[in-house]
Protein backbone atom coordinates (compact mmCIF):
# COMPACT_ATOMS: atom_id res chain seq x y z
CA MET A 1 -0.23 0.05 -0.10
CA GLN A 2 1.55 3.50 -0.80
CA GLN A 3 1.48 6.29 1.69
CA SER A 4 0.57 10.05 0.49
CA LYS A 5 3.02 12.33 0.97
CA GLU A 6 0.55 14.72 2.62
CA PHE A 7 -0.90 14.21 6.00
CA GLU A 8 -2.43 16.59 8.95
CA ILE A 9 -0.67 17.25 12.17
CA ASP A 10 -3.31 17.75 14.77
CA PHE A 11 -2.30 21.07 16.86
CA CYS A 12 -3.26 22.28 20.04
CA TYR A 13 -2.16 25.26 22.00
CA TYR A 14 -2.27 25.30 25.94
CA GLY A 15 -1.56 27.91 28.77
CA MET A 16 -0.91 31.26 29.20
CA ARG A 17 2.33 33.37 27.61
CA GLU A 18 4.49 32.11 29.97
CA THR A 19 3.90 28.56 30.50
CA LEU A 20 2.11 28.06 26.85
CA VAL A 21 2.83 24.10 25.75
CA THR A 22 2.23 23.00 21.95
CA HIS A 23 0.56 20.04 21.55
CA ILE A 24 1.03 17.62 18.93
CA ARG A 25 -2.17 15.23 19.19
CA ASN A 26 -1.68 12.62 16.67
CA LEU A 27 2.04 11.59 17.30
CA GLN A 28 1.68 8.27 16.76
CA GLU A 29 -0.27 8.64 13.20
CA VAL A 30 3.26 10.79 12.31
CA ALA A 31 5.42 8.05 13.61
CA ASN A 32 3.73 5.51 11.46
CA HIS A 33 3.44 7.91 8.61
CA LEU A 34 7.30 8.39 8.48
CA GLY A 35 8.08 4.87 9.75
CA CYS A 36 9.69 5.43 12.65
CA ARG A 37 8.85 5.29 16.84
CA PRO A 38 7.31 8.73 18.47
CA GLU A 39 10.40 8.85 20.41
CA VAL A 40 12.84 9.54 17.56
CA ILE A 41 10.22 12.42 16.20
CA LYS A 42 10.53 13.87 19.69
CA ASN A 43 14.25 14.12 20.10
CA TYR A 44 14.42 15.36 16.60
CA LEU A 45 12.15 18.24 17.01
CA ALA A 46 13.72 18.92 20.48
CA GLU A 47 17.14 19.36 19.35
CA LYS A 48 16.10 21.26 16.17
CA LEU A 49 13.59 23.66 18.00
CA LYS A 50 15.90 23.56 21.15
CA ARG A 51 13.22 23.44 23.38
CA GLU A 52 11.77 20.62 26.06
CA ALA A 53 9.72 18.17 24.83
CA ASN A 54 7.92 15.21 26.63
CA ILE A 55 5.47 12.65 25.56
CA GLU A 56 2.25 12.09 27.31
CA GLY A 57 0.36 9.27 25.66
CA LYS A 58 -0.34 9.88 22.30
CA THR A 59 0.50 13.44 22.31
CA LEU A 60 3.85 15.40 21.96
CA LYS A 61 4.53 18.34 24.15
CA ILE A 62 6.87 20.73 23.45
CA LYS A 63 7.34 23.75 25.75
CA GLY A 64 6.45 27.11 24.31
CA LEU A 65 5.07 28.22 21.32
CA VAL A 66 5.55 26.54 17.82
CA LEU A 67 3.59 27.13 14.82
CA LYS A 68 2.62 24.36 12.40
CA PRO A 69 4.75 25.62 9.50
CA SER A 70 7.82 25.32 11.46
CA VAL A 71 6.81 21.78 12.30
CA GLU A 72 5.71 21.05 8.99
CA LYS A 73 9.28 22.00 7.25
CA LEU A 74 11.05 20.18 10.22
CA ILE A 75 9.06 17.36 9.26
CA SER A 76 9.35 17.50 5.57
CA GLU A 77 13.25 17.55 6.45
CA PHE A 78 13.45 14.62 8.83
CA ARG A 79 11.55 12.95 5.77
CA GLU A 80 14.14 13.52 3.22
C-alpha cells in the first residue's frame, strides 16, 4: 500500500504566555507515516527547536509556542 506524502498534524496550544505548551496530538499517526518511533520524532524536534519536549500518551508536548509551518518544515526535512 502506498502512503500519501501529505498528512495533517493535529495541533493544540495550552496555557498562558509564560507557560504555553504546543501539543501535537496525533504523534503516533505521524510516527507511523514516517516509519519510525514517536521518541525519534520527539528527539529530532527537541534538538532542532532547542526546546524541552515530552511524550504523554499519544501527545507530544513541546514547551513554548511552535507554529504549524515550522513543525511541517522540520517534518519535511526529517522525511528526506
